């Protein structure tokens, strides 16, 4: 047996502009909360990885033994340790962030847009 809780959601349908409708059950609420927490956890892990990449890059630049070990052990790929890998990772994170949030509109912009369509 599902427990139902009534939530007020803004209805974006033009015929019922501004109407508060929809009900969500507790399971759907938990799934949305889990997805939100997971997104934050992924961002936190990504920032930790970026911090570790920066730390390894700084260590590689200042430690001659690490430089010689990297050149003998991983060969030509060792150039990634001089900051290139951290830069690529930062660029990927920024690119994803811009792509994800650049197209989002604020709630006010959505309401204004729907009012313009209605008029």
PDB file of N, CA and C in Angstrom:
ATOM      1  N   UNK A   1       0.844  -1.177   0.000  1.00  0.00           N
ATOM      2  CA  UNK A   1       0.000   0.000   0.000  1.00  0.00           C
ATOM      3  C   UNK A   1       0.893   1.245   0.000  1.00  0.00           C
ATOM      4  N   UNK A   2       0.632   2.121  -0.940  1.00  0.00           N
ATOM      5  CA  UNK A   2       1.442   3.322  -1.060  1.00  0.00           C
ATOM      6  C   UNK A   2       0.840   4.451  -0.240  1.00  0.00           C
ATOM      7  N   UNK A   3       1.717   5.178   0.372  1.00  0.00           N
ATOM      8  CA  UNK A   3       1.295   6.373   1.088  1.00  0.00           C
ATOM      9  C   UNK A   3       1.414   7.545   0.129  1.00  0.00           C
ATOM     10  N   UNK A   4       0.353   8.305  -0.021  1.00  0.00           N
ATOM     11  CA  UNK A   4       0.350   9.418  -0.959  1.00  0.00           C
ATOM     12  C   UNK A   4       0.499  10.735  -0.218  1.00  0.00           C
ATOM     13  N   UNK A   5       1.278  11.584  -0.800  1.00  0.00           N
ATOM     14  CA  UNK A   5       1.442  12.920  -0.249  1.00  0.00           C
ATOM     15  C   UNK A   5       1.197  13.905  -1.379  1.00  0.00           C
ATOM     16  N   UNK A   6       0.457  14.912  -1.118  1.00  0.00           N
ATOM     17  CA  UNK A   6       0.141  15.884  -2.149  1.00  0.00           C
ATOM     18  C   UNK A   6       1.202  16.969  -2.164  1.00  0.00           C
ATOM     19  N   UNK A   7       1.783  17.154  -3.325  1.00  0.00           N
ATOM     20  CA  UNK A   7       2.786  18.203  -3.510  1.00  0.00           C
ATOM     21  C   UNK A   7       2.254  19.201  -4.512  1.00  0.00           C
ATOM     22  N   UNK A   8       2.551  20.439  -4.293  1.00  0.00           N
ATOM     23  CA  UNK A   8       2.129  21.474  -5.216  1.00  0.00           C
ATOM     24  C   UNK A   8       3.225  21.699  -6.235  1.00  0.00           C
ATOM     25  N   UNK A   9       2.908  21.454  -7.489  1.00  0.00           N
ATOM     26  CA  UNK A   9       3.850  21.659  -8.585  1.00  0.00           C
ATOM     27  C   UNK A   9       3.257  22.679  -9.535  1.00  0.00           C
ATOM     28  N   UNK A  10       4.088  23.548 -10.047  1.00  0.00           N
ATOM     29  CA  UNK A  10       3.627  24.536 -11.001  1.00  0.00           C
ATOM     30  C   UNK A  10       3.318  23.829 -12.302  1.00  0.00           C
ATOM     31  N   UNK A  11       2.116  24.016 -12.806  1.00  0.00           N
ATOM     32  CA  UNK A  11       1.688  23.390 -14.055  1.00  0.00           C
ATOM     33  C   UNK A  11       2.069  24.309 -15.208  1.00  0.00           C
ATOM     34  N   UNK A  12       2.889  23.825 -16.132  1.00  0.00           N
ATOM     35  CA  UNK A  12       3.368  24.645 -17.232  1.00  0.00           C
ATOM     36  C   UNK A  12       2.446  24.587 -18.449  1.00  0.00           C
ATOM     37  N   UNK A  13       1.346  23.893 -18.349  1.00  0.00           N
ATOM     38  CA  UNK A  13       0.390  23.804 -19.441  1.00  0.00           C
ATOM     39  C   UNK A  13      -0.290  25.163 -19.609  1.00  0.00           C
ATOM     40  N   UNK A  14      -0.384  25.639 -20.862  1.00  0.00           N
ATOM     41  CA  UNK A  14      -0.928  26.971 -21.103  1.00  0.00           C
ATOM     42  C   UNK A  14      -2.407  27.074 -20.760  1.00  0.00           C
ATOM     43  N   UNK A  15      -3.141  25.978 -20.910  1.00  0.00           N
ATOM     44  CA  UNK A  15      -4.577  26.045 -20.660  1.00  0.00           C
ATOM     45  C   UNK A  15      -4.879  26.227 -19.183  1.00  0.00           C
ATOM     46  N   UNK A  16      -3.978  25.792 -18.332  1.00  0.00           N
ATOM     47  CA  UNK A  16      -4.179  25.925 -16.887  1.00  0.00           C
ATOM     48  C   UNK A  16      -3.005  26.680 -16.293  1.00  0.00           C
ATOM     49  N   UNK A  17      -2.715  27.823 -16.852  1.00  0.00           N
ATOM     50  CA  UNK A  17      -1.557  28.604 -16.441  1.00  0.00           C
ATOM     51  C   UNK A  17      -1.626  28.944 -14.957  1.00  0.00           C
ATOM     52  N   UNK A  18      -0.589  28.558 -14.244  1.00  0.00           N
ATOM     53  CA  UNK A  18      -0.512  28.877 -12.837  1.00  0.00           C
ATOM     54  C   UNK A  18      -1.256  27.916 -11.935  1.00  0.00           C
ATOM     55  N   UNK A  19      -1.851  26.876 -12.491  1.00  0.00           N
ATOM     56  CA  UNK A  19      -2.600  25.937 -11.662  1.00  0.00           C
ATOM     57  C   UNK A  19      -1.628  25.072 -10.867  1.00  0.00           C
ATOM     58  N   UNK A  20      -1.969  24.783  -9.646  1.00  0.00           N
ATOM     59  CA  UNK A  20      -1.159  23.925  -8.807  1.00  0.00           C
ATOM     60  C   UNK A  20      -1.788  22.539  -8.826  1.00  0.00           C
ATOM     61  N   UNK A  21      -1.054  21.556  -9.350  1.00  0.00           N
ATOM     62  CA  UNK A  21      -1.611  20.217  -9.508  1.00  0.00           C
ATOM     63  C   UNK A  21      -0.564  19.175  -9.186  1.00  0.00           C
ATOM     64  N   UNK A  22      -0.901  17.946  -9.482  1.00  0.00           N
ATOM     65  CA  UNK A  22      -0.048  16.760  -9.400  1.00  0.00           C
ATOM     66  C   UNK A  22       0.098  16.240  -7.971  1.00  0.00           C
ATOM     67  N   UNK A  23       0.189  14.951  -7.883  1.00  0.00           N
ATOM     68  CA  UNK A  23       0.512  14.307  -6.623  1.00  0.00           C
ATOM     69  C   UNK A  23       1.660  13.351  -6.883  1.00  0.00           C
ATOM     70  N   UNK A  24       2.533  13.241  -5.944  1.00  0.00           N
ATOM     71  CA  UNK A  24       3.658  12.326  -6.035  1.00  0.00           C
ATOM     72  C   UNK A  24       3.624  11.416  -4.824  1.00  0.00           C
ATOM     73  N   UNK A  25       3.963  10.160  -5.029  1.00  0.00           N
ATOM     74  CA  UNK A  25       4.000   9.288  -3.857  1.00  0.00           C
ATOM     75  C   UNK A  25       5.372   9.345  -3.197  1.00  0.00           C
ATOM     76  N   UNK A  26       5.474   8.765  -2.058  1.00  0.00           N
ATOM     77  CA  UNK A  26       6.704   8.808  -1.267  1.00  0.00           C
ATOM     78  C   UNK A  26       7.860   8.153  -2.016  1.00  0.00           C
ATOM     79  N   UNK A  27       7.590   7.071  -2.754  1.00  0.00           N
ATOM     80  CA  UNK A  27       8.655   6.392  -3.499  1.00  0.00           C
ATOM     81  C   UNK A  27       9.262   7.306  -4.557  1.00  0.00           C
ATOM     82  N   UNK A  28       8.416   8.049  -5.266  1.00  0.00           N
ATOM     83  CA  UNK A  28       8.935   8.976  -6.270  1.00  0.00           C
ATOM     84  C   UNK A  28       9.745  10.089  -5.616  1.00  0.00           C
ATOM     85  N   UNK A  29       9.281  10.557  -4.475  1.00  0.00           N
ATOM     86  CA  UNK A  29      10.026  11.585  -3.749  1.00  0.00           C
ATOM     87  C   UNK A  29      11.400  11.074  -3.335  1.00  0.00           C
ATOM     88  N   UNK A  30      11.445   9.849  -2.829  1.00  0.00           N
ATOM     89  CA  UNK A  30      12.722   9.264  -2.415  1.00  0.00           C
ATOM     90  C   UNK A  30      13.654   9.094  -3.600  1.00  0.00           C
ATOM     91  N   UNK A  31      13.111   8.697  -4.769  1.00  0.00           N
ATOM     92  CA  UNK A  31      13.937   8.536  -5.958  1.00  0.00           C
ATOM     93  C   UNK A  31      14.520   9.874  -6.406  1.00  0.00           C
ATOM     94  N   UNK A  32      13.697  10.919  -6.366  1.00  0.00           N
ATOM     95  CA  UNK A  32      14.198  12.243  -6.759  1.00  0.00           C
ATOM     96  C   UNK A  32      15.276  12.723  -5.786  1.00  0.00           C
ATOM     97  N   UNK A  33      15.069  12.503  -4.506  1.00  0.00           N
ATOM     98  CA  UNK A  33      16.057  12.911  -3.504  1.00  0.00           C
ATOM     99  C   UNK A  33      17.351  12.124  -3.667  1.00  0.00           C
ATOM    100  N   UNK A  34      17.239  10.824  -3.952  1.00  0.00           N
ATOM    101  CA  UNK A  34      18.417   9.991  -4.176  1.00  0.00           C
ATOM    102  C   UNK A  34      19.185  10.463  -5.408  1.00  0.00           C
ATOM    103  N   UNK A  35      18.465  10.798  -6.472  1.00  0.00           N
ATOM    104  CA  UNK A  35      19.127  11.291  -7.687  1.00  0.00           C
ATOM    105  C   UNK A  35      19.843  12.610  -7.418  1.00  0.00           C
ATOM    106  N   UNK A  36      19.217  13.492  -6.649  1.00  0.00           N
ATOM    107  CA  UNK A  36      19.838  14.775  -6.322  1.00  0.00           C
ATOM    108  C   UNK A  36      21.094  14.578  -5.480  1.00  0.00           C
ATOM    109  N   UNK A  37      21.010  13.705  -4.487  1.00  0.00           N
ATOM    110  CA  UNK A  37      22.181  13.447  -3.643  1.00  0.00           C
ATOM    111  C   UNK A  37      23.306  12.780  -4.446  1.00  0.00           C
ATOM    112  N   UNK A  38      22.926  11.914  -5.355  1.00  0.00           N
ATOM    113  CA  UNK A  38      23.930  11.241  -6.183  1.00  0.00           C
ATOM    114  C   UNK A  38      24.660  12.243  -7.061  1.00  0.00           C
ATOM    115  N   UNK A  39      23.915  13.192  -7.636  1.00  0.00           N
ATOM    116  CA  UNK A  39      24.553  14.233  -8.443  1.00  0.00           C
ATOM    117  C   UNK A  39      25.568  15.027  -7.625  1.00  0.00           C
ATOM    118  N   UNK A  40      25.207  15.398  -6.402  1.00  0.00           N
ATOM    119  CA  UNK A  40      26.134  16.134  -5.542  1.00  0.00           C
ATOM    120  C   UNK A  40      27.348  15.289  -5.176  1.00  0.00           C
ATOM    121  N   UNK A  41      27.136  14.002  -4.957  1.00  0.00           N
ATOM    122  CA  UNK A  41      28.247  13.115  -4.625  1.00  0.00           C
ATOM    123  C   UNK A  41      29.208  12.991  -5.808  1.00  0.00           C
ATOM    124  N   UNK A  42      28.669  12.903  -7.012  1.00  0.00           N
ATOM    125  CA  UNK A  42      29.521  12.820  -8.204  1.00  0.00           C
ATOM    126  C   UNK A  42      30.346  14.100  -8.353  1.00  0.00           C
ATOM    127  N   UNK A  43      29.727  15.262  -8.112  1.00  0.00           N
ATOM    128  CA  UNK A  43      30.475  16.509  -8.184  1.00  0.00           C
ATOM    129  C   UNK A  43      31.560  16.572  -7.120  1.00  0.00           C
ATOM    130  N   UNK A  44      31.238  16.133  -5.910  1.00  0.00           N
ATOM    131  CA  UNK A  44      32.243  16.143  -4.831  1.00  0.00           C
ATOM    132  C   UNK A  44      33.407  15.227  -5.178  1.00  0.00           C
ATOM    133  N   UNK A  45      33.110  14.046  -5.695  1.00  0.00           N
ATOM    134  CA  UNK A  45      34.179  13.119  -6.087  1.00  0.00           C
ATOM    135  C   UNK A  45      35.011  13.693  -7.220  1.00  0.00           C
ATOM    136  N   UNK A  46      34.364  14.351  -8.163  1.00  0.00           N
ATOM    137  CA  UNK A  46      35.096  14.959  -9.274  1.00  0.00           C
ATOM    138  C   UNK A  46      36.052  16.040  -8.783  1.00  0.00           C
ATOM    139  N   UNK A  47      35.615  16.832  -7.823  1.00  0.00           N
ATOM    140  CA  UNK A  47      36.494  17.873  -7.281  1.00  0.00           C
ATOM    141  C   UNK A  47      37.644  17.278  -6.480  1.00  0.00           C
ATOM    142  N   UNK A  48      37.399  16.165  -5.787  1.00  0.00           N
ATOM    143  CA  UNK A  48      38.488  15.479  -5.070  1.00  0.00           C
ATOM    144  C   UNK A  48      39.497  14.936  -6.069  1.00  0.00           C
ATOM    145  N   UNK A  49      39.014  14.341  -7.150  1.00  0.00           N
ATOM    146  CA  UNK A  49      39.919  13.824  -8.190  1.00  0.00           C
ATOM    147  C   UNK A  49      40.729  14.956  -8.790  1.00  0.00           C
ATOM    148  N   UNK A  50      40.092  16.093  -9.050  1.00  0.00           N
ATOM    149  CA  UNK A  50      40.812  17.244  -9.586  1.00  0.00           C
ATOM    150  C   UNK A  50      41.891  17.709  -8.612  1.00  0.00           C
ATOM    151  N   UNK A  51      41.565  17.759  -7.335  1.00  0.00           N
ATOM    152  CA  UNK A  51      42.562  18.144  -6.334  1.00  0.00           C
ATOM    153  C   UNK A  51      43.739  17.185  -6.308  1.00  0.00           C
ATOM    154  N   UNK A  52      43.459  15.895  -6.418  1.00  0.00           N
ATOM    155  CA  UNK A  52      44.550  14.910  -6.436  1.00  0.00           C
ATOM    156  C   UNK A  52      45.398  15.035  -7.698  1.00  0.00           C
ATOM    157  N   UNK A  53      44.767  15.310  -8.833  1.00  0.00           N
ATOM    158  CA  UNK A  53      45.529  15.508 -10.069  1.00  0.00           C
ATOM    159  C   UNK A  53      46.445  16.724  -9.969  1.00  0.00           C
ATOM    160  N   UNK A  54      45.943  17.788  -9.382  1.00  0.00           N
ATOM    161  CA  UNK A  54      46.775  18.986  -9.196  1.00  0.00           C
ATOM    162  C   UNK A  54      47.934  18.680  -8.250  1.00  0.00           C
ATOM    163  N   UNK A  55      47.651  17.933  -7.186  1.00  0.00           N
ATOM    164  CA  UNK A  55      48.699  17.573  -6.238  1.00  0.00           C
ATOM    165  C   UNK A  55      49.785  16.720  -6.912  1.00  0.00           C
ATOM    166  N   UNK A  56      49.368  15.731  -7.713  1.00  0.00           N
ATOM    167  CA  UNK A  56      50.350  14.883  -8.405  1.00  0.00           C
ATOM    168  C   UNK A  56      51.155  15.716  -9.399  1.00  0.00           C
ATOM    169  N   UNK A  57      50.493  16.654 -10.079  1.00  0.00           N
ATOM    170  CA  UNK A  57      51.211  17.507 -11.033  1.00  0.00           C
ATOM    171  C   UNK A  57      52.266  18.359 -10.334  1.00  0.00           C
ATOM    172  N   UNK A  58      51.905  18.943  -9.208  1.00  0.00           N
ATOM    173  CA  UNK A  58      52.880  19.744  -8.462  1.00  0.00           C
ATOM    174  C   UNK A  58      54.028  18.882  -7.934  1.00  0.00           C
ATOM    175  N   UNK A  59      53.690  17.696  -7.469  1.00  0.00           N
ATOM    176  CA  UNK A  59      54.730  16.778  -6.979  1.00  0.00           C
ATOM    177  C   UNK A  59      55.663  16.362  -8.112  1.00  0.00           C
ATOM    178  N   UNK A  60      55.088  16.113  -9.294  1.00  0.00           N
ATOM    179  CA  UNK A  60      55.889  15.711 -10.457  1.00  0.00           C
ATOM    180  C   UNK A  60      56.850  16.832 -10.862  1.00  0.00           C
ATOM    181  N   UNK A  61      56.379  18.077 -10.825  1.00  0.00           N
ATOM    182  CA  UNK A  61      57.235  19.198 -11.215  1.00  0.00           C
ATOM    183  C   UNK A  61      58.385  19.426 -10.234  1.00  0.00           C
ATOM    184  N   UNK A  62      58.192  19.102  -8.966  1.00  0.00           N
ATOM    185  CA  UNK A  62      59.198  19.401  -7.942  1.00  0.00           C
ATOM    186  C   UNK A  62      60.021  18.201  -7.486  1.00  0.00           C
ATOM    187  N   UNK A  63      59.728  17.014  -7.968  1.00  0.00           N
ATOM    188  CA  UNK A  63      60.407  15.816  -7.505  1.00  0.00           C
ATOM    189  C   UNK A  63      61.142  15.162  -8.683  1.00  0.00           C
ATOM    190  N   UNK A  64      62.450  15.291  -8.704  1.00  0.00           N
ATOM    191  CA  UNK A  64      63.241  14.732  -9.805  1.00  0.00           C
ATOM    192  C   UNK A  64      63.184  13.210  -9.839  1.00  0.00           C
ATOM    193  N   UNK A  65      63.126  12.581  -8.683  1.00  0.00           N
ATOM    194  CA  UNK A  65      63.043  11.125  -8.647  1.00  0.00           C
ATOM    195  C   UNK A  65      61.736  10.649  -9.294  1.00  0.00           C
ATOM    196  N   UNK A  66      60.631  11.341  -9.021  1.00  0.00           N
ATOM    197  CA  UNK A  66      59.350  10.978  -9.631  1.00  0.00           C
ATOM    198  C   UNK A  66      59.390  11.190 -11.139  1.00  0.00           C
ATOM    199  N   UNK A  67      60.056  12.235 -11.583  1.00  0.00           N
ATOM    200  CA  UNK A  67      60.172  12.481 -13.020  1.00  0.00           C
ATOM    201  C   UNK A  67      60.950  11.364 -13.703  1.00  0.00           C
ATOM    202  N   UNK A  68      62.065  10.957 -13.109  1.00  0.00           N
ATOM    203  CA  UNK A  68      62.868   9.887 -13.730  1.00  0.00           C
ATOM    204  C   UNK A  68      62.127   8.551 -13.668  1.00  0.00           C
ATOM    205  N   UNK A  69      61.430   8.288 -12.572  1.00  0.00           N
ATOM    206  CA  UNK A  69      60.658   7.048 -12.469  1.00  0.00           C
ATOM    207  C   UNK A  69      59.544   7.014 -13.517  1.00  0.00           C
ATOM    208  N   UNK A  70      58.852   8.148 -13.694  1.00  0.00           N
ATOM    209  CA  UNK A  70      57.755   8.205 -14.658  1.00  0.00           C
ATOM    210  C   UNK A  70      58.270   8.004 -16.081  1.00  0.00           C
ATOM    211  N   UNK A  71      59.428   8.595 -16.385  1.00  0.00           N
ATOM    212  CA  UNK A  71      59.972   8.453 -17.737  1.00  0.00           C
ATOM    213  C   UNK A  71      60.383   7.016 -18.031  1.00  0.00           C
ATOM    214  N   UNK A  72      60.903   6.311 -17.029  1.00  0.00           N
ATOM    215  CA  UNK A  72      61.310   4.927 -17.254  1.00  0.00           C
ATOM    216  C   UNK A  72      60.130   3.960 -17.164  1.00  0.00           C
ATOM    217  N   UNK A  73      59.153   4.255 -16.330  1.00  0.00           N
ATOM    218  CA  UNK A  73      58.046   3.315 -16.116  1.00  0.00           C
ATOM    219  C   UNK A  73      56.906   3.491 -17.113  1.00  0.00           C
ATOM    220  N   UNK A  74      56.483   4.719 -17.329  1.00  0.00           N
ATOM    221  CA  UNK A  74      55.338   4.913 -18.220  1.00  0.00           C
ATOM    222  C   UNK A  74      55.719   5.608 -19.520  1.00  0.00           C
ATOM    223  N   UNK A  75      56.968   5.927 -19.678  1.00  0.00           N
ATOM    224  CA  UNK A  75      57.502   6.421 -20.933  1.00  0.00           C
ATOM    225  C   UNK A  75      56.897   7.719 -21.429  1.00  0.00           C
ATOM    226  N   UNK A  76      56.471   7.723 -22.683  1.00  0.00           N
ATOM    227  CA  UNK A  76      56.015   8.972 -23.293  1.00  0.00           C
ATOM    228  C   UNK A  76      54.716   9.531 -22.691  1.00  0.00           C
ATOM    229  N   UNK A  77      54.017   8.752 -21.929  1.00  0.00           N
ATOM    230  CA  UNK A  77      52.770   9.216 -21.321  1.00  0.00           C
ATOM    231  C   UNK A  77      53.052  10.091 -20.100  1.00  0.00           C
ATOM    232  N   UNK A  78      54.296  10.133 -19.664  1.00  0.00           N
ATOM    233  CA  UNK A  78      54.639  10.899 -18.465  1.00  0.00           C
ATOM    234  C   UNK A  78      54.420  12.404 -18.636  1.00  0.00           C
ATOM    235  N   UNK A  79      54.316  12.877 -19.885  1.00  0.00           N
ATOM    236  CA  UNK A  79      54.073  14.312 -20.081  1.00  0.00           C
ATOM    237  C   UNK A  79      52.705  14.723 -19.538  1.00  0.00           C
ATOM    238  N   UNK A  80      51.797  13.783 -19.368  1.00  0.00           N
ATOM    239  CA  UNK A  80      50.481  14.104 -18.815  1.00  0.00           C
ATOM    240  C   UNK A  80      50.560  14.533 -17.351  1.00  0.00           C
ATOM    241  N   UNK A  81      51.637  14.130 -16.672  1.00  0.00           N
ATOM    242  CA  UNK A  81      51.765  14.446 -15.259  1.00  0.00           C
ATOM    243  C   UNK A  81      52.219  15.877 -14.990  1.00  0.00           C
ATOM    244  N   UNK A  82      52.628  16.602 -16.020  1.00  0.00           N
ATOM    245  CA  UNK A  82      53.139  17.951 -15.792  1.00  0.00           C
ATOM    246  C   UNK A  82      52.033  19.005 -15.744  1.00  0.00           C
ATOM    247  N   UNK A  83      50.805  18.603 -15.581  1.00  0.00           N
ATOM    248  CA  UNK A  83      49.687  19.536 -15.504  1.00  0.00           C
ATOM    249  C   UNK A  83      48.715  19.398 -16.648  1.00  0.00           C
ATOM    250  N   UNK A  84      49.126  18.676 -17.675  1.00  0.00           N
ATOM    251  CA  UNK A  84      48.270  18.508 -18.837  1.00  0.00           C
ATOM    252  C   UNK A  84      46.999  17.740 -18.485  1.00  0.00           C
ATOM    253  N   UNK A  85      47.138  16.675 -17.734  1.00  0.00           N
ATOM    254  CA  UNK A  85      45.986  15.856 -17.363  1.00  0.00           C
ATOM    255  C   UNK A  85      45.028  16.636 -16.472  1.00  0.00           C
ATOM    256  N   UNK A  86      45.559  17.409 -15.534  1.00  0.00           N
ATOM    257  CA  UNK A  86      44.707  18.236 -14.668  1.00  0.00           C
ATOM    258  C   UNK A  86      43.974  19.287 -15.494  1.00  0.00           C
ATOM    259  N   UNK A  87      44.648  19.868 -16.462  1.00  0.00           N
ATOM    260  CA  UNK A  87      44.011  20.852 -17.341  1.00  0.00           C
ATOM    261  C   UNK A  87      42.907  20.242 -18.187  1.00  0.00           C
ATOM    262  N   UNK A  88      43.164  19.061 -18.723  1.00  0.00           N
ATOM    263  CA  UNK A  88      42.144  18.375 -19.514  1.00  0.00           C
ATOM    264  C   UNK A  88      40.922  18.026 -18.668  1.00  0.00           C
ATOM    265  N   UNK A  89      41.174  17.565 -17.454  1.00  0.00           N
ATOM    266  CA  UNK A  89      40.077  17.197 -16.559  1.00  0.00           C
ATOM    267  C   UNK A  89      39.271  18.431 -16.159  1.00  0.00           C
ATOM    268  N   UNK A  90      39.956  19.533 -15.885  1.00  0.00           N
ATOM    269  CA  UNK A  90      39.275  20.787 -15.547  1.00  0.00           C
ATOM    270  C   UNK A  90      38.432  21.267 -16.721  1.00  0.00           C
ATOM    271  N   UNK A  91      38.985  21.188 -17.906  1.00  0.00           N
ATOM    272  CA  UNK A  91      38.243  21.584 -19.104  1.00  0.00           C
ATOM    273  C   UNK A  91      37.004  20.732 -19.319  1.00  0.00           C
ATOM    274  N   UNK A  92      37.125  19.435 -19.066  1.00  0.00           N
ATOM    275  CA  UNK A  92      35.969  18.555 -19.210  1.00  0.00           C
ATOM    276  C   UNK A  92      34.887  18.899 -18.189  1.00  0.00           C
ATOM    277  N   UNK A  93      35.289  19.165 -16.938  1.00  0.00           N
ATOM    278  CA  UNK A  93      34.312  19.546 -15.911  1.00  0.00           C
ATOM    279  C   UNK A  93      33.629  20.871 -16.250  1.00  0.00           C
ATOM    280  N   UNK A  94      34.407  21.856 -16.670  1.00  0.00           N
ATOM    281  CA  UNK A  94      33.826  23.151 -17.036  1.00  0.00           C
ATOM    282  C   UNK A  94      32.931  23.034 -18.261  1.00  0.00           C
ATOM    283  N   UNK A  95      33.351  22.253 -19.235  1.00  0.00           N
ATOM    284  CA  UNK A  95      32.536  22.051 -20.436  1.00  0.00           C
ATOM    285  C   UNK A  95      31.202  21.407 -20.110  1.00  0.00           C
ATOM    286  N   UNK A  96      31.241  20.408 -19.253  1.00  0.00           N
ATOM    287  CA  UNK A  96      30.000  19.749 -18.840  1.00  0.00           C
ATOM    288  C   UNK A  96      29.097  20.716 -18.084  1.00  0.00           C
ATOM    289  N   UNK A  97      29.680  21.500 -17.192  1.00  0.00           N
ATOM    290  CA  UNK A  97      28.896  22.442 -16.398  1.00  0.00           C
ATOM    291  C   UNK A  97      28.238  23.496 -17.286  1.00  0.00           C
ATOM    292  N   UNK A  98      28.993  24.041 -18.212  1.00  0.00           N
ATOM    293  CA  UNK A  98      28.440  25.067 -19.100  1.00  0.00           C
ATOM    294  C   UNK A  98      27.357  24.467 -19.993  1.00  0.00           C
ATOM    295  N   UNK A  99      27.604  23.273 -20.531  1.00  0.00           N
ATOM    296  CA  UNK A  99      26.616  22.639 -21.398  1.00  0.00           C
ATOM    297  C   UNK A  99      25.334  22.321 -20.645  1.00  0.00           C
ATOM    298  N   UNK A 100      25.459  21.929 -19.393  1.00  0.00           N
ATOM    299  CA  UNK A 100      24.285  21.547 -18.614  1.00  0.00           C
ATOM    300  C   UNK A 100      23.477  22.752 -18.163  1.00  0.00           C
ATOM    301  N   UNK A 101      24.137  23.798 -17.702  1.00  0.00           N
ATOM    302  CA  UNK A 101      23.430  24.916 -17.090  1.00  0.00           C
ATOM    303  C   UNK A 101      23.218  26.120 -18.005  1.00  0.00           C
ATOM    304  N   UNK A 102      23.845  26.141 -19.160  1.00  0.00           N
ATOM    305  CA  UNK A 102      23.680  27.291 -20.050  1.00  0.00           C
ATOM    306  C   UNK A 102      22.272  27.348 -20.630  1.00  0.00           C
ATOM    307  N   UNK A 103      21.664  26.220 -20.881  1.00  0.00           N
ATOM    308  CA  UNK A 103      20.340  26.196 -21.478  1.00  0.00           C
ATOM    309  C   UNK A 103      19.204  26.293 -20.484  1.00  0.00           C
ATOM    310  N   UNK A 104      19.509  26.267 -19.209  1.00  0.00           N
ATOM    311  CA  UNK A 104      18.445  26.323 -18.203  1.00  0.00           C
ATOM    312  C   UNK A 104      17.928  27.747 -18.055  1.00  0.00           C
ATOM    313  N   UNK A 105      16.617  27.830 -17.955  1.00  0.00           N
ATOM    314  CA  UNK A 105      15.990  29.128 -17.733  1.00  0.00           C
ATOM    315  C   UNK A 105      15.516  29.197 -16.290  1.00  0.00           C
ATOM    316  N   UNK A 106      15.449  30.395 -15.797  1.00  0.00           N
ATOM    317  CA  UNK A 106      14.928  30.558 -14.451  1.00  0.00           C
ATOM    318  C   UNK A 106      13.413  30.393 -14.488  1.00  0.00           C
ATOM    319  N   UNK A 107      12.837  30.165 -13.358  1.00  0.00           N
ATOM    320  CA  UNK A 107      11.384  29.978 -13.262  1.00  0.00           C
ATOM    321  C   UNK A 107      10.650  31.228 -13.749  1.00  0.00           C
ATOM    322  N   UNK A 108      11.191  32.404 -13.438  1.00  0.00           N
ATOM    323  CA  UNK A 108      10.557  33.641 -13.879  1.00  0.00           C
ATOM    324  C   UNK A 108      10.561  33.752 -15.394  1.00  0.00           C
ATOM    325  N   UNK A 109      11.666  33.370 -16.049  1.00  0.00           N
ATOM    326  CA  UNK A 109      11.726  33.410 -17.503  1.00  0.00           C
ATOM    327  C   UNK A 109      10.715  32.464 -18.124  1.00  0.00           C
ATOM    328  N   UNK A 110      10.528  31.292 -17.521  1.00  0.00           N
ATOM    329  CA  UNK A 110       9.542  30.340 -18.029  1.00  0.00           C
ATOM    330  C   UNK A 110       8.128  30.892 -17.919  1.00  0.00           C
ATOM    331  N   UNK A 111       7.831  31.541 -16.794  1.00  0.00           N
ATOM    332  CA  UNK A 111       6.492  32.116 -16.602  1.00  0.00           C
ATOM    333  C   UNK A 111       6.259  33.241 -17.604  1.00  0.00           C
ATOM    334  N   UNK A 112       7.256  34.114 -17.777  1.00  0.00           N
ATOM    335  CA  UNK A 112       7.115  35.203 -18.746  1.00  0.00           C
ATOM    336  C   UNK A 112       6.937  34.680 -20.161  1.00  0.00           C
ATOM    337  N   UNK A 113       7.666  33.666 -20.514  1.00  0.00           N
ATOM    338  CA  UNK A 113       7.564  33.074 -21.838  1.00  0.00           C
ATOM    339  C   UNK A 113       6.176  32.476 -22.064  1.00  0.00           C
ATOM    340  N   UNK A 114       5.648  31.785 -21.065  1.00  0.00           N
ATOM    341  CA  UNK A 114       4.318  31.198 -21.227  1.00  0.00           C
ATOM    342  C   UNK A 114       3.238  32.286 -21.287  1.00  0.00           C
ATOM    343  N   UNK A 115       3.433  33.398 -20.568  1.00  0.00           N
ATOM    344  CA  UNK A 115       2.481  34.504 -20.648  1.00  0.00           C
ATOM    345  C   UNK A 115       2.520  35.160 -22.022  1.00  0.00           C
ATOM    346  N   UNK A 116       3.706  35.294 -22.604  1.00  0.00           N
ATOM    347  CA  UNK A 116       3.829  35.879 -23.930  1.00  0.00           C
ATOM    348  C   UNK A 116       3.144  34.990 -24.970  1.00  0.00           C
ATOM    349  N   UNK A 117       3.280  33.678 -24.827  1.00  0.00           N
ATOM    350  CA  UNK A 117       2.628  32.769 -25.767  1.00  0.00           C
ATOM    351  C   UNK A 117       1.115  32.830 -25.638  1.00  0.00           C
ATOM    352  N   UNK A 118       0.652  33.016 -24.438  1.00  0.00           N
ATOM    353  CA  UNK A 118      -0.775  33.043 -24.173  1.00  0.00           C
ATOM    354  C   UNK A 118      -1.420  34.332 -24.697  1.00  0.00           C
ATOM    355  N   UNK A 119      -0.675  35.431 -24.637  1.00  0.00           N
ATOM    356  CA  UNK A 119      -1.240  36.730 -25.036  1.00  0.00           C
ATOM    357  C   UNK A 119      -1.281  36.929 -26.532  1.00  0.00           C
TER     358      UNK A 119
END
